[in-house]
Amino acid sequence: MSDSNSESDILLDSDYETDYEAGQDNVNPFGLEMHNPVFFISALLIIIFVVSTLVFPALSKEWFEATKSWTLQYFDWFFVIASNIVLFFCISVAVSPLGKIRLGGNDAKTEFGTASWIAMLFSAGIGIGMVFYGSAEPMAYYTDWGGTPLNVEPRTAEAEKLALAATIFHWGLTPWAIYAVIGLALAFFAFNKGLPLTIRSAFYPILGERIWGWPGHVIDILAVIATLFGLATSLGFGAQQAATGISFLFGGDATLNSQLILIALITGLAIISVVRGMDGGVKLLSNINMVLAALLLAFVFITGPTLNIVSGFGTTIVSYAQYAIPLSNWIGREDIDWYHDWTIFYWAWWVSWSPFVGMFIARISKGRTIRQFLSVVLIVPTIVAIIWFTTFGVTAMEQVKSGIGQLTGGITEAPLVLFQMLENMPLPYISSTLAIILLIVFFVTSSDSGSLVIDSITAGGRTDAPVSQRIFWAIIQGMVAAALLVGGGAGALGAMQAGTIASGLPFTFVLLICCYSLFKGLMSEYRLLQVATKEQAAESARV
């Protein structure tokens, strides 16, 4: 084949130009930007879920449990394989020549400084979860609260190593690879190919113009549903822990009503943040989050068993590397209950969060090279997770080993572990209050950024939809979180897990197809860059 023919094929292969304009299928009652039919179907399905859960809580609880059991029985292997594929894909792209591609083109400039960029990654991604599980998860694995990873003997040196390894396994490279794939796909097709910033755009290399029809509608609707359940689970966790902390400090019980009131109040704060916009809302709150989180981390590090924490960093890294493959295995597991309740739940949770976190990362990452994007998104959060979970986990486990405080008897309630740990340290009321404030700010930030992302999807890729639509989705998130708490009753944690797993399953298929589509798009872009480089070299030679 001649060079000219090769270049022609490349141009045809990389031609992602379309006559479709973002929001052209929208309807505009009262000046709104509602994509038809994505907005209406998504909103209708969610409202039906909320109403039916509140009206029939007992039946809803049975449905949650049945759905979770069915999914775990038949698709646990699928979640594990999919997550491993996504991680391998991200690493391969990062180290390949494709990593040189810049999001937005060679001349694109970054919109946010590196520090603010990283801060927003955490606030939108896993902030609430890290506070909730910081000390609770290593403690759970160490003391056999619901099983131990790989059936290790609890409260032993091996159990301590596996507790830290399994925690980082759940919060390190794998979840951020899942986020990174969606974020990279959205950023690439929006900034480099000029397609609308919506999930369906990532499938243009496979579906072509059909993404503007029902195949694209289904993809976006699945993304909205998954995102809402993933967010609602996090908001439910945050409400449980904040209510528990308040009752721990000031007395009383962390009742369902108190949690619902807290969700309503914080949803109101999120609406205020939405009205303030990106700079006055999410960006400001993200920077506040990082300062508060750093203060709490420094306090626990300094007043806790500092030397053990420092040595624990190395132990965590080595153990993570040692046990990553056994923990990734799904064949012949003897710790099947632990594996389902923790690992599979986490993989489904991360998949559910991926449209939300991925789109948010995409919106703030223009101007970064793909290698820089993947390196930061994968490595920096993993390092922070190692520091955070080691600090809180070692501190909690050392209290158990030393026979100090209530944790010695094991975990009674997961939301209570952080406050029980802080109770045995200096200034318990101040540190616990700081933790509650941090939870609330993370709560508000997640709700605000989540409504931003969902609104973009349901507005056909428009990023300038009226603020009232983002307010609508912020309210809907609070309603779903409340419905999961009500429908779950005493087993609210299980209900939230069930909702996350059920919504994460269909989007896992979407995630894998997205990897293939993104690879096609990146290869096309890379070949174009090679052609452009050859032409520039030839032009320079002629001059």
Protein backbone atom coordinates (compact mmCIF):
# COMPACT_ATOMS: atom_id res chain seq x y z
CA MET A 1 0.00 0.00 0.00
CA SER A 2 1.40 3.42 -0.89
CA ASP A 3 2.06 6.14 1.69
CA SER A 4 -0.72 8.30 0.28
CA ASN A 5 -3.23 5.49 0.62
CA SER A 6 -2.06 4.83 4.17
CA GLU A 7 -2.56 8.47 5.09
CA SER A 8 -6.00 8.46 3.49
CA ASP A 9 -7.00 5.40 5.52
CA ILE A 10 -5.72 7.07 8.65
CA LEU A 11 -7.75 10.19 8.03
CA LEU A 12 -10.89 8.16 7.36
CA ASP A 13 -10.29 6.01 10.41
CA SER A 14 -9.86 9.05 12.65
CA ASP A 15 -12.71 11.13 11.31
CA TYR A 16 -14.94 11.68 14.32
CA GLU A 17 -16.58 14.79 12.96
CA THR A 18 -20.33 14.79 13.34
CA ASP A 19 -23.16 17.14 12.54
CA TYR A 20 -24.64 16.43 15.96
CA GLU A 21 -24.49 19.34 18.39
CA ALA A 22 -24.57 18.95 22.15
CA GLY A 23 -28.12 19.30 23.37
CA GLN A 24 -29.80 19.34 19.97
CA ASP A 25 -32.35 16.74 21.13
CA ASN A 26 -33.11 18.70 24.29
CA VAL A 27 -36.51 20.05 25.15
CA ASN A 28 -36.69 23.44 26.85
CA PRO A 29 -39.70 23.88 29.11
CA PHE A 30 -39.26 27.00 31.24
CA GLY A 31 -35.84 27.54 29.62
CA LEU A 32 -34.42 24.23 30.87
CA GLU A 33 -32.08 21.86 28.97
CA MET A 34 -33.56 18.35 29.28
CA HIS A 35 -32.26 15.68 26.94
CA ASN A 36 -35.08 13.69 25.41
CA PRO A 37 -35.40 10.88 26.46
CA VAL A 38 -32.43 10.45 28.84
CA PHE A 39 -33.53 13.05 31.38
CA PHE A 40 -37.11 11.85 31.57
CA ILE A 41 -36.45 8.10 31.69
CA SER A 42 -33.67 8.48 34.28
CA ALA A 43 -35.75 10.77 36.48
CA LEU A 44 -38.82 8.56 36.17
CA LEU A 45 -36.96 5.37 37.08
CA ILE A 46 -35.35 6.99 40.11
CA ILE A 47 -38.59 8.53 41.34
CA ILE A 48 -40.37 5.16 40.98
CA PHE A 49 -37.58 3.55 43.01
CA VAL A 50 -37.74 6.18 45.76
CA VAL A 51 -41.55 6.10 46.06
CA SER A 52 -41.83 2.30 45.99
CA THR A 53 -39.05 1.93 48.58
CA LEU A 54 -40.66 4.41 50.94
CA VAL A 55 -44.16 2.94 50.48
CA PHE A 56 -43.11 -0.73 50.66
CA PRO A 57 -39.96 -0.82 52.85
CA ALA A 58 -40.29 -4.50 53.83
CA LEU A 59 -40.76 -5.66 50.26
CA SER A 60 -37.91 -3.40 49.14
CA LYS A 61 -35.59 -4.94 51.72
CA GLU A 62 -36.39 -8.42 50.38
CA TRP A 63 -35.73 -7.22 46.83
CA PHE A 64 -32.40 -5.68 47.85
CA GLU A 65 -31.25 -8.91 49.45
CA ALA A 66 -32.44 -11.12 46.57
CA THR A 67 -30.79 -8.90 43.96
CA LYS A 68 -27.51 -8.85 45.85
CA SER A 69 -27.51 -12.65 46.31
CA TRP A 70 -28.26 -13.33 42.65
CA THR A 71 -25.60 -10.95 41.39
CA LEU A 72 -22.94 -12.31 43.72
CA GLN A 73 -23.77 -15.93 42.90
CA TYR A 74 -23.52 -15.57 39.15
CA PHE A 75 -21.30 -12.55 38.45
CA ASP A 76 -18.69 -12.26 41.21
CA TRP A 77 -16.02 -13.56 38.80
CA PHE A 78 -17.03 -10.98 36.20
CA PHE A 79 -16.40 -8.01 38.51
CA VAL A 80 -12.92 -9.32 39.35
CA ILE A 81 -11.90 -10.10 35.77
CA ALA A 82 -13.22 -6.76 34.53
CA SER A 83 -11.31 -4.80 37.17
CA ASN A 84 -8.08 -6.65 36.38
CA ILE A 85 -8.51 -5.96 32.65
CA VAL A 86 -9.09 -2.26 33.25
CA LEU A 87 -5.99 -1.92 35.45
CA PHE A 88 -3.83 -3.72 32.88
CA PHE A 89 -5.25 -1.50 30.13
CA CYS A 90 -4.43 1.72 31.99
CA ILE A 91 -0.86 0.69 32.77
CA SER A 92 -0.31 -0.42 29.16
CA VAL A 93 -1.57 2.86 27.73
CA ALA A 94 0.46 4.93 30.20
CA VAL A 95 3.79 3.30 29.32
CA SER A 96 3.07 3.12 25.58
CA PRO A 97 3.72 5.88 23.01
CA LEU A 98 -0.01 6.72 23.34
CA GLY A 99 0.89 8.42 26.61
CA LYS A 100 2.37 11.35 24.70
CA ILE A 101 -1.04 12.46 23.43
CA ARG A 102 -2.23 15.67 25.11
CA LEU A 103 -5.87 16.07 26.09
CA GLY A 104 -7.16 18.95 24.02
CA GLY A 105 -4.37 18.90 21.45
CA ASN A 106 -0.69 19.81 21.49
CA ASP A 107 -1.35 23.46 22.32
CA ALA A 108 -3.92 22.88 25.08
CA LYS A 109 -3.31 24.61 28.42
CA THR A 110 -4.30 23.34 31.85
CA GLU A 111 -7.20 25.10 33.60
CA PHE A 112 -6.28 24.23 37.19
CA GLY A 113 -3.03 24.11 39.10
CA THR A 114 -1.70 20.68 40.02
CA ALA A 115 -2.53 21.06 43.73
CA SER A 116 -6.16 22.07 43.08
CA TRP A 117 -6.45 19.38 40.43
CA ILE A 118 -5.36 16.65 42.84
CA ALA A 119 -7.54 18.07 45.62
CA MET A 120 -10.61 17.88 43.40
CA LEU A 121 -9.75 14.28 42.46
CA PHE A 122 -10.03 13.25 46.09
CA SER A 123 -13.03 15.33 47.04
CA ALA A 124 -15.06 14.04 44.14
CA GLY A 125 -13.71 10.52 44.37
CA ILE A 126 -13.36 8.73 47.68
CA GLY A 127 -13.33 11.32 50.43
CA ILE A 128 -16.36 10.15 52.43
CA GLY A 129 -15.35 6.51 52.07
CA MET A 130 -11.81 7.08 53.34
CA VAL A 131 -13.10 8.81 56.47
CA PHE A 132 -15.75 6.11 57.03
CA TYR A 133 -13.43 3.13 56.49
CA GLY A 134 -10.07 4.66 57.51
CA SER A 135 -9.85 2.76 60.78
CA ALA A 136 -12.93 0.53 60.44
CA GLU A 137 -11.79 -1.57 57.48
CA PRO A 138 -8.34 -2.63 58.76
CA MET A 139 -9.96 -3.26 62.16
CA ALA A 140 -12.68 -5.40 60.60
CA TYR A 141 -10.16 -7.62 58.80
CA TYR A 142 -7.87 -7.83 61.83
CA THR A 143 -10.57 -8.78 64.35
CA ASP A 144 -12.72 -11.02 62.12
CA TRP A 145 -15.74 -8.72 61.89
CA GLY A 146 -17.53 -10.55 59.07
CA GLY A 147 -14.60 -12.77 58.11
CA THR A 148 -10.93 -12.27 57.37
CA PRO A 149 -9.19 -12.00 53.98
CA LEU A 150 -7.93 -15.37 52.76
CA ASN A 151 -9.22 -16.88 56.03
CA VAL A 152 -6.17 -15.69 57.94
CA GLU A 153 -6.21 -16.27 61.72
CA PRO A 154 -7.55 -13.06 63.32
CA ARG A 155 -5.52 -10.91 65.71
CA THR A 156 -2.18 -12.27 64.55
CA ALA A 157 0.81 -10.60 62.89
CA GLU A 158 -0.25 -12.14 59.59
CA ALA A 159 -3.78 -10.81 60.07
CA GLU A 160 -2.38 -7.31 60.60
CA LYS A 161 -0.38 -7.46 57.37
CA LEU A 162 -3.33 -8.81 55.41
CA ALA A 163 -5.67 -6.23 56.93
CA LEU A 164 -3.53 -3.42 55.55
CA ALA A 165 -2.86 -5.19 52.24
CA ALA A 166 -6.52 -5.96 51.57
CA THR A 167 -7.56 -2.40 52.44
CA ILE A 168 -5.10 -0.89 49.97
CA PHE A 169 -6.10 -3.54 47.44
CA HIS A 170 -9.63 -2.15 47.65
CA TRP A 171 -8.66 1.55 47.63
CA GLY A 172 -5.50 1.71 45.55
CA LEU A 173 -4.67 1.13 41.91
CA THR A 174 -7.76 -0.84 40.85
CA PRO A 175 -10.51 1.67 41.72
CA TRP A 176 -8.57 4.55 40.27
CA ALA A 177 -7.94 2.59 37.07
CA ILE A 178 -11.72 2.21 36.75
CA TYR A 179 -12.17 5.95 37.22
CA ALA A 180 -9.28 6.73 34.89
CA VAL A 181 -10.66 4.77 31.92
CA ILE A 182 -13.95 6.64 31.93
CA GLY A 183 -12.28 9.97 32.65
CA LEU A 184 -9.70 9.52 29.92
CA ALA A 185 -12.28 8.42 27.37
CA LEU A 186 -14.54 11.38 28.09
CA ALA A 187 -11.70 13.89 28.08
CA PHE A 188 -10.18 12.52 24.87
CA PHE A 189 -13.37 12.40 22.81
CA ALA A 190 -14.58 15.76 24.13
CA PHE A 191 -11.36 17.77 24.00
CA ASN A 192 -9.56 16.10 21.10
CA LYS A 193 -12.49 15.10 18.90
CA GLY A 194 -15.03 17.79 19.77
CA LEU A 195 -17.80 15.40 20.84
CA PRO A 196 -20.25 16.29 23.64
CA LEU A 197 -19.04 15.64 27.18
CA THR A 198 -21.33 12.69 27.85
CA ILE A 199 -20.74 8.96 28.33
CA ARG A 200 -22.07 7.95 24.92
CA SER A 201 -19.36 9.96 23.15
CA ALA A 202 -16.75 7.43 24.31
CA PHE A 203 -18.37 4.83 22.04
CA TYR A 204 -18.21 6.77 18.77
CA PRO A 205 -15.40 4.59 17.27
CA ILE A 206 -17.68 1.54 17.66
CA LEU A 207 -21.19 2.89 17.14
CA GLY A 208 -20.57 5.92 14.97
CA GLU A 209 -23.64 8.12 14.49
CA ARG A 210 -25.77 5.52 16.28
CA ILE A 211 -24.60 6.94 19.61
CA TRP A 212 -27.12 9.73 19.10
CA GLY A 213 -29.93 7.15 18.99
CA TRP A 214 -31.16 4.48 21.37
CA PRO A 215 -27.80 2.73 21.87
CA GLY A 216 -26.45 6.03 23.20
CA HIS A 217 -29.58 6.70 25.22
CA VAL A 218 -29.23 3.34 26.98
CA ILE A 219 -25.56 3.98 27.77
CA ASP A 220 -26.30 7.37 29.30
CA ILE A 221 -29.30 6.10 31.28
CA LEU A 222 -27.19 3.26 32.73
CA ALA A 223 -24.54 5.81 33.63
CA VAL A 224 -27.05 8.02 35.43
CA ILE A 225 -28.57 5.11 37.37
CA ALA A 226 -25.16 3.72 38.36
CA THR A 227 -23.92 7.15 39.39
CA LEU A 228 -26.97 7.92 41.52
CA PHE A 229 -26.73 4.62 43.42
CA GLY A 230 -22.98 4.92 43.89
CA LEU A 231 -23.35 8.45 45.19
CA ALA A 232 -26.34 7.59 47.34
CA THR A 233 -24.36 4.79 48.98
CA SER A 234 -21.56 7.19 49.88
CA LEU A 235 -24.00 9.81 51.12
CA GLY A 236 -25.74 7.16 53.22
CA PHE A 237 -22.42 6.10 54.75
CA GLY A 238 -21.57 9.73 55.45
CA ALA A 239 -24.92 10.39 57.11
CA GLN A 240 -24.62 7.25 59.25
CA GLN A 241 -21.15 8.14 60.46
CA ALA A 242 -21.86 11.83 61.04
CA ALA A 243 -25.03 11.01 63.01
CA THR A 244 -23.13 8.36 64.98
CA GLY A 245 -20.35 10.83 65.74
CA ILE A 246 -22.78 13.50 66.90
CA SER A 247 -24.57 11.04 69.19
CA PHE A 248 -21.20 9.76 70.46
CA LEU A 249 -20.13 13.29 71.39
CA PHE A 250 -23.37 14.75 72.66
CA GLY A 251 -25.40 11.72 73.71
CA GLY A 252 -28.58 10.25 72.28
CA ASP A 253 -28.98 7.64 69.58
CA ALA A 254 -28.05 7.80 65.92
CA THR A 255 -31.59 6.98 64.86
CA LEU A 256 -32.89 6.66 61.33
CA ASN A 257 -34.71 9.97 61.76
CA SER A 258 -31.52 11.75 62.76
CA GLN A 259 -29.75 10.35 59.70
CA LEU A 260 -32.60 11.46 57.43
CA ILE A 261 -32.57 14.94 58.95
CA LEU A 262 -28.81 15.09 58.41
CA ILE A 263 -29.21 14.08 54.75
CA ALA A 264 -31.82 16.83 54.29
CA LEU A 265 -29.65 19.49 55.93
CA ILE A 266 -26.52 18.57 54.00
CA THR A 267 -28.45 18.35 50.73
CA GLY A 268 -29.50 21.93 51.46
CA LEU A 269 -25.85 22.92 51.88
CA ALA A 270 -25.07 21.15 48.61
CA ILE A 271 -27.71 23.25 46.87
CA ILE A 272 -26.01 26.40 48.14
CA SER A 273 -22.71 25.08 46.78
CA VAL A 274 -24.36 24.33 43.43
CA VAL A 275 -25.62 27.91 43.18
CA ARG A 276 -22.11 29.25 43.87
CA GLY A 277 -20.71 27.52 40.80
CA MET A 278 -17.49 25.57 40.17
CA ASP A 279 -14.96 28.00 41.65
CA GLY A 280 -17.09 29.14 44.58
CA GLY A 281 -18.46 25.66 45.22
CA VAL A 282 -16.62 22.45 44.33
CA LYS A 283 -13.14 23.97 43.94
CA LEU A 284 -13.35 25.90 47.22
CA LEU A 285 -14.80 22.96 49.14
CA SER A 286 -12.19 20.60 47.66
CA ASN A 287 -9.36 22.75 48.96
CA ILE A 288 -11.07 22.98 52.37
CA ASN A 289 -11.42 19.18 52.35
CA MET A 290 -7.73 18.68 51.78
CA VAL A 291 -6.77 21.04 54.62
CA LEU A 292 -9.18 19.41 57.09
CA ALA A 293 -8.15 15.88 56.04
CA ALA A 294 -4.47 16.80 56.39
CA LEU A 295 -5.11 18.20 59.89
CA LEU A 296 -6.93 15.05 61.03
CA LEU A 297 -4.26 12.82 59.47
CA ALA A 298 -1.44 14.80 61.11
CA PHE A 299 -3.20 14.69 64.49
CA VAL A 300 -3.59 10.90 64.43
CA PHE A 301 -0.04 10.43 63.13
CA ILE A 302 1.53 12.63 65.83
CA THR A 303 -0.57 11.58 68.82
CA GLY A 304 -0.89 7.94 67.79
CA PRO A 305 1.77 5.20 67.77
CA THR A 306 4.00 7.22 65.43
CA LEU A 307 6.91 4.78 65.17
CA ASN A 308 4.59 1.86 64.46
CA ILE A 309 2.79 3.92 61.84
CA VAL A 310 6.06 4.82 60.11
CA SER A 311 7.19 1.18 60.03
CA GLY A 312 3.68 0.26 58.92
CA PHE A 313 4.08 2.22 55.67
CA GLY A 314 6.73 -0.22 54.47
CA THR A 315 4.76 -3.19 55.75
CA THR A 316 1.66 -2.02 53.88
CA ILE A 317 3.50 -1.56 50.58
CA VAL A 318 5.24 -4.95 50.78
CA SER A 319 2.07 -6.73 51.88
CA TYR A 320 0.05 -5.07 49.10
CA ALA A 321 2.54 -6.37 46.53
CA GLN A 322 2.64 -9.80 48.20
CA TYR A 323 -1.10 -10.37 48.41
CA ALA A 324 -2.44 -8.49 45.39
CA ILE A 325 -2.55 -11.58 43.17
CA PRO A 326 -4.11 -13.95 45.76
CA LEU A 327 -6.72 -11.29 46.56
CA SER A 328 -7.44 -10.90 42.83
CA ASN A 329 -8.14 -14.61 42.42
CA TRP A 330 -11.78 -15.68 42.25
CA ILE A 331 -11.33 -19.46 41.86
CA GLY A 332 -11.71 -21.76 44.86
CA ARG A 333 -11.93 -19.01 47.45
CA GLU A 334 -12.46 -20.32 50.98
CA ASP A 335 -13.22 -16.83 52.29
CA ILE A 336 -16.25 -16.52 49.99
CA ASP A 337 -18.41 -14.47 52.41
CA TRP A 338 -15.64 -11.98 53.04
CA TYR A 339 -14.82 -11.86 49.31
CA HIS A 340 -18.46 -11.10 48.40
CA ASP A 341 -19.16 -8.63 51.20
CA TRP A 342 -15.99 -6.62 50.68
CA THR A 343 -14.14 -7.11 47.40
CA ILE A 344 -17.11 -7.56 45.06
CA PHE A 345 -19.02 -4.77 46.78
CA TYR A 346 -16.05 -2.46 46.31
CA TRP A 347 -15.57 -3.32 42.64
CA ALA A 348 -19.28 -2.69 42.00
CA TRP A 349 -19.11 0.54 44.02
CA TRP A 350 -16.15 1.83 42.02
CA VAL A 351 -17.85 0.94 38.74
CA SER A 352 -20.99 2.75 39.90
CA TRP A 353 -18.91 5.79 40.75
CA SER A 354 -16.92 5.72 37.51
CA PRO A 355 -19.30 7.82 35.36
CA PHE A 356 -19.43 10.44 38.11
CA VAL A 357 -15.75 10.54 39.05
CA GLY A 358 -14.63 9.90 35.46
CA MET A 359 -16.62 12.79 34.02
CA PHE A 360 -15.59 15.08 36.84
CA ILE A 361 -11.92 14.20 36.30
CA ALA A 362 -12.38 14.75 32.56
CA ARG A 363 -13.81 18.23 33.07
CA ILE A 364 -10.81 19.37 35.12
CA SER A 365 -8.02 17.60 33.17
CA LYS A 366 -7.78 19.43 29.86
CA GLY A 367 -4.18 20.13 28.89
CA ARG A 368 -2.67 17.09 30.64
CA THR A 369 -0.85 14.46 28.62
CA ILE A 370 -2.33 10.97 28.83
CA ARG A 371 0.80 9.73 30.61
CA GLN A 372 0.56 12.54 33.15
CA PHE A 373 -3.17 11.96 33.54
CA LEU A 374 -2.85 8.21 34.17
CA SER A 375 0.26 8.51 36.33
CA VAL A 376 -1.30 11.05 38.67
CA VAL A 377 -4.76 9.48 38.75
CA LEU A 378 -3.36 6.01 39.49
CA ILE A 379 -0.30 6.62 41.64
CA VAL A 380 -1.00 9.71 43.76
CA PRO A 381 -4.33 8.44 45.22
CA THR A 382 -2.72 5.06 45.93
CA ILE A 383 0.11 6.72 47.85
CA VAL A 384 -2.37 8.82 49.80
CA ALA A 385 -4.47 5.71 50.51
CA ILE A 386 -1.38 3.92 51.87
CA ILE A 387 -0.60 6.86 54.16
CA TRP A 388 -4.21 7.35 55.28
CA PHE A 389 -5.21 3.75 55.95
CA THR A 390 -1.90 2.82 57.51
CA THR A 391 -2.09 5.77 59.90
CA PHE A 392 -5.68 5.11 60.98
CA GLY A 393 -5.51 1.32 60.71
CA VAL A 394 -2.30 0.86 62.68
CA THR A 395 -3.53 3.27 65.35
CA ALA A 396 -6.77 1.32 65.80
CA MET A 397 -5.06 -2.08 65.76
CA GLU A 398 -2.43 -0.97 68.27
CA GLN A 399 -5.21 0.04 70.66
CA VAL A 400 -6.66 -3.46 70.31
CA LYS A 401 -3.30 -5.11 70.90
CA SER A 402 -2.65 -2.89 73.92
CA GLY A 403 -6.09 -3.52 75.42
CA ILE A 404 -7.03 0.15 75.28
CA GLY A 405 -10.62 1.31 75.01
CA GLN A 406 -13.77 -0.13 73.52
CA LEU A 407 -12.14 -1.41 70.34
CA THR A 408 -10.52 -4.22 72.32
CA GLY A 409 -13.84 -6.05 72.27
CA GLY A 410 -14.10 -5.73 68.49
CA ILE A 411 -16.38 -3.74 66.21
CA THR A 412 -20.01 -3.23 67.14
CA GLU A 413 -20.88 -0.60 64.49
CA ALA A 414 -18.61 0.36 61.60
CA PRO A 415 -19.53 4.09 61.72
CA LEU A 416 -18.49 4.17 65.39
CA VAL A 417 -14.94 2.85 65.01
CA LEU A 418 -13.32 6.18 64.13
CA PHE A 419 -14.81 7.92 67.17
CA GLN A 420 -14.00 5.02 69.51
CA MET A 421 -10.40 5.25 68.33
CA LEU A 422 -10.22 9.04 68.76
CA GLU A 423 -11.72 8.69 72.27
CA ASN A 424 -8.49 7.02 73.44
CA MET A 425 -6.30 9.84 72.11
CA PRO A 426 -5.66 13.42 73.30
CA LEU A 427 -8.34 16.07 72.67
CA PRO A 428 -11.03 13.53 71.70
CA TYR A 429 -13.85 16.07 71.44
CA ILE A 430 -11.85 18.39 69.20
CA SER A 431 -10.61 15.62 66.92
CA SER A 432 -14.06 14.00 66.70
CA THR A 433 -15.65 17.36 65.87
CA LEU A 434 -13.04 17.87 63.16
CA ALA A 435 -13.89 14.42 61.74
CA ILE A 436 -17.60 15.26 61.66
CA ILE A 437 -16.96 18.59 59.92
CA LEU A 438 -14.73 16.82 57.41
CA LEU A 439 -17.47 14.28 56.70
CA ILE A 440 -20.04 17.01 56.17
CA VAL A 441 -17.81 19.00 53.80
CA PHE A 442 -17.00 15.85 51.83
CA PHE A 443 -20.72 15.09 51.77
CA VAL A 444 -21.55 18.51 50.32
CA THR A 445 -18.72 18.33 47.78
CA SER A 446 -19.74 14.89 46.52
CA SER A 447 -23.37 15.92 46.19
CA ASP A 448 -22.48 19.12 44.33
CA SER A 449 -20.00 17.51 41.94
CA GLY A 450 -22.33 14.54 41.44
CA SER A 451 -25.21 16.79 40.43
CA LEU A 452 -22.85 18.58 38.04
CA VAL A 453 -21.98 15.32 36.30
CA ILE A 454 -25.50 13.86 36.18
CA ASP A 455 -26.83 17.15 34.87
CA SER A 456 -24.28 17.12 32.05
CA ILE A 457 -25.35 13.61 31.01
CA THR A 458 -29.06 14.37 31.18
CA ALA A 459 -28.60 17.67 29.33
CA GLY A 460 -27.17 15.93 26.25
CA GLY A 461 -23.58 16.93 27.00
CA ARG A 462 -24.37 20.59 27.65
CA THR A 463 -22.25 22.07 30.43
CA ASP A 464 -24.22 25.32 30.64
CA ALA A 465 -27.63 23.98 31.68
CA PRO A 466 -29.58 26.11 34.18
CA VAL A 467 -28.57 25.81 37.82
CA SER A 468 -32.09 24.66 38.69
CA GLN A 469 -31.41 21.33 36.94
CA ARG A 470 -28.35 20.68 39.08
CA ILE A 471 -30.42 21.52 42.14
CA PHE A 472 -32.98 18.94 41.00
CA TRP A 473 -30.34 16.22 40.79
CA ALA A 474 -28.83 17.19 44.16
CA ILE A 475 -32.27 16.71 45.71
CA ILE A 476 -32.72 13.39 43.90
CA GLN A 477 -29.39 12.12 45.29
CA GLY A 478 -30.53 12.91 48.82
CA MET A 479 -33.85 11.16 48.17
CA VAL A 480 -32.16 7.99 46.92
CA ALA A 481 -29.82 7.92 49.94
CA ALA A 482 -32.82 8.37 52.23
CA ALA A 483 -34.75 5.64 50.42
CA LEU A 484 -31.87 3.17 50.81
CA LEU A 485 -31.66 3.92 54.53
CA VAL A 486 -35.43 3.52 54.97
CA GLY A 487 -35.70 0.46 52.77
CA GLY A 488 -32.78 -1.25 54.46
CA GLY A 489 -34.07 -0.66 57.98
CA ALA A 490 -31.61 -2.11 60.45
CA GLY A 491 -29.74 -3.59 57.51
CA ALA A 492 -29.27 -0.24 55.76
CA LEU A 493 -25.62 -1.04 55.04
CA GLY A 494 -26.66 -4.19 53.18
CA ALA A 495 -29.35 -2.29 51.27
CA MET A 496 -26.82 0.27 50.09
CA GLN A 497 -24.46 -2.51 49.07
CA ALA A 498 -27.24 -4.27 47.17
CA GLY A 499 -28.22 -1.13 45.29
CA THR A 500 -24.62 -0.47 44.36
CA ILE A 501 -23.95 -4.03 43.17
CA ALA A 502 -27.16 -4.19 41.13
CA SER A 503 -26.51 -0.88 39.38
CA GLY A 504 -22.81 -1.59 38.91
CA LEU A 505 -23.31 -4.89 37.06
CA PRO A 506 -24.70 -3.57 33.74
CA PHE A 507 -22.26 -0.67 33.70
CA THR A 508 -19.33 -3.08 34.07
CA PHE A 509 -20.12 -4.33 30.55
CA VAL A 510 -20.16 -0.72 29.38
CA LEU A 511 -16.78 -0.16 31.05
CA LEU A 512 -15.09 -3.02 29.20
CA ILE A 513 -16.47 -1.94 25.83
CA CYS A 514 -15.27 1.58 26.62
CA CYS A 515 -11.68 0.29 26.94
CA TYR A 516 -11.81 -1.11 23.40
CA SER A 517 -13.43 2.01 21.99
CA LEU A 518 -10.90 4.27 23.70
CA PHE A 519 -8.02 2.20 22.37
CA LYS A 520 -9.34 2.59 18.82
CA GLY A 521 -9.64 6.33 19.26
CA LEU A 522 -6.16 6.72 20.76
CA MET A 523 -4.53 4.60 18.04
CA SER A 524 -6.22 6.75 15.42
CA GLU A 525 -5.00 9.94 17.08
CA TYR A 526 -1.48 8.57 17.42
CA ARG A 527 -1.31 7.66 13.73
CA LEU A 528 -2.49 11.13 12.83
CA LEU A 529 0.25 12.64 14.98
CA GLN A 530 2.81 10.44 13.25
CA VAL A 531 1.61 11.64 9.84
CA ALA A 532 1.75 15.26 11.01
CA THR A 533 5.27 14.75 12.35
CA LYS A 534 6.45 13.25 9.04
CA GLU A 535 4.92 16.13 7.12
CA GLN A 536 6.61 18.68 9.38
CA ALA A 537 9.93 16.88 8.98
CA ALA A 538 9.53 16.82 5.19
CA GLU A 539 8.62 20.51 5.15
CA SER A 540 11.66 21.36 7.26
CA ALA A 541 13.88 19.34 4.94
CA ARG A 542 12.57 21.23 1.88
CA VAL A 543 13.21 24.55 3.60
